[in-house]
């Protein structure tokens, strides 16, 4: 029995068509330069999603991070006495 991951086909992620509204001048210049608009948009959006997830994670964990930093400032790192460097 073959089980397919719903977000990937083999090594490739699934792609879905979508509509974008772009500035016509920029679009024409990109086409003249041979820029793959889908690839550029996908790469930029992937980066933006990653940055936003990181920002939200930091925001959600700010209290823990601050408390941990205060604890290590006060008591040092947990395994500090076994460090050899």
Foldseek 3Di string as FASTA:
>chain_A
DDDDDPQADVPGGDDDDDDDDDDPVVVVVCVVVVHDVVVVVVVVVVVVVVVVVVVVVCVVCVVVVVVVVVVCVVVNDPCVVVDPD
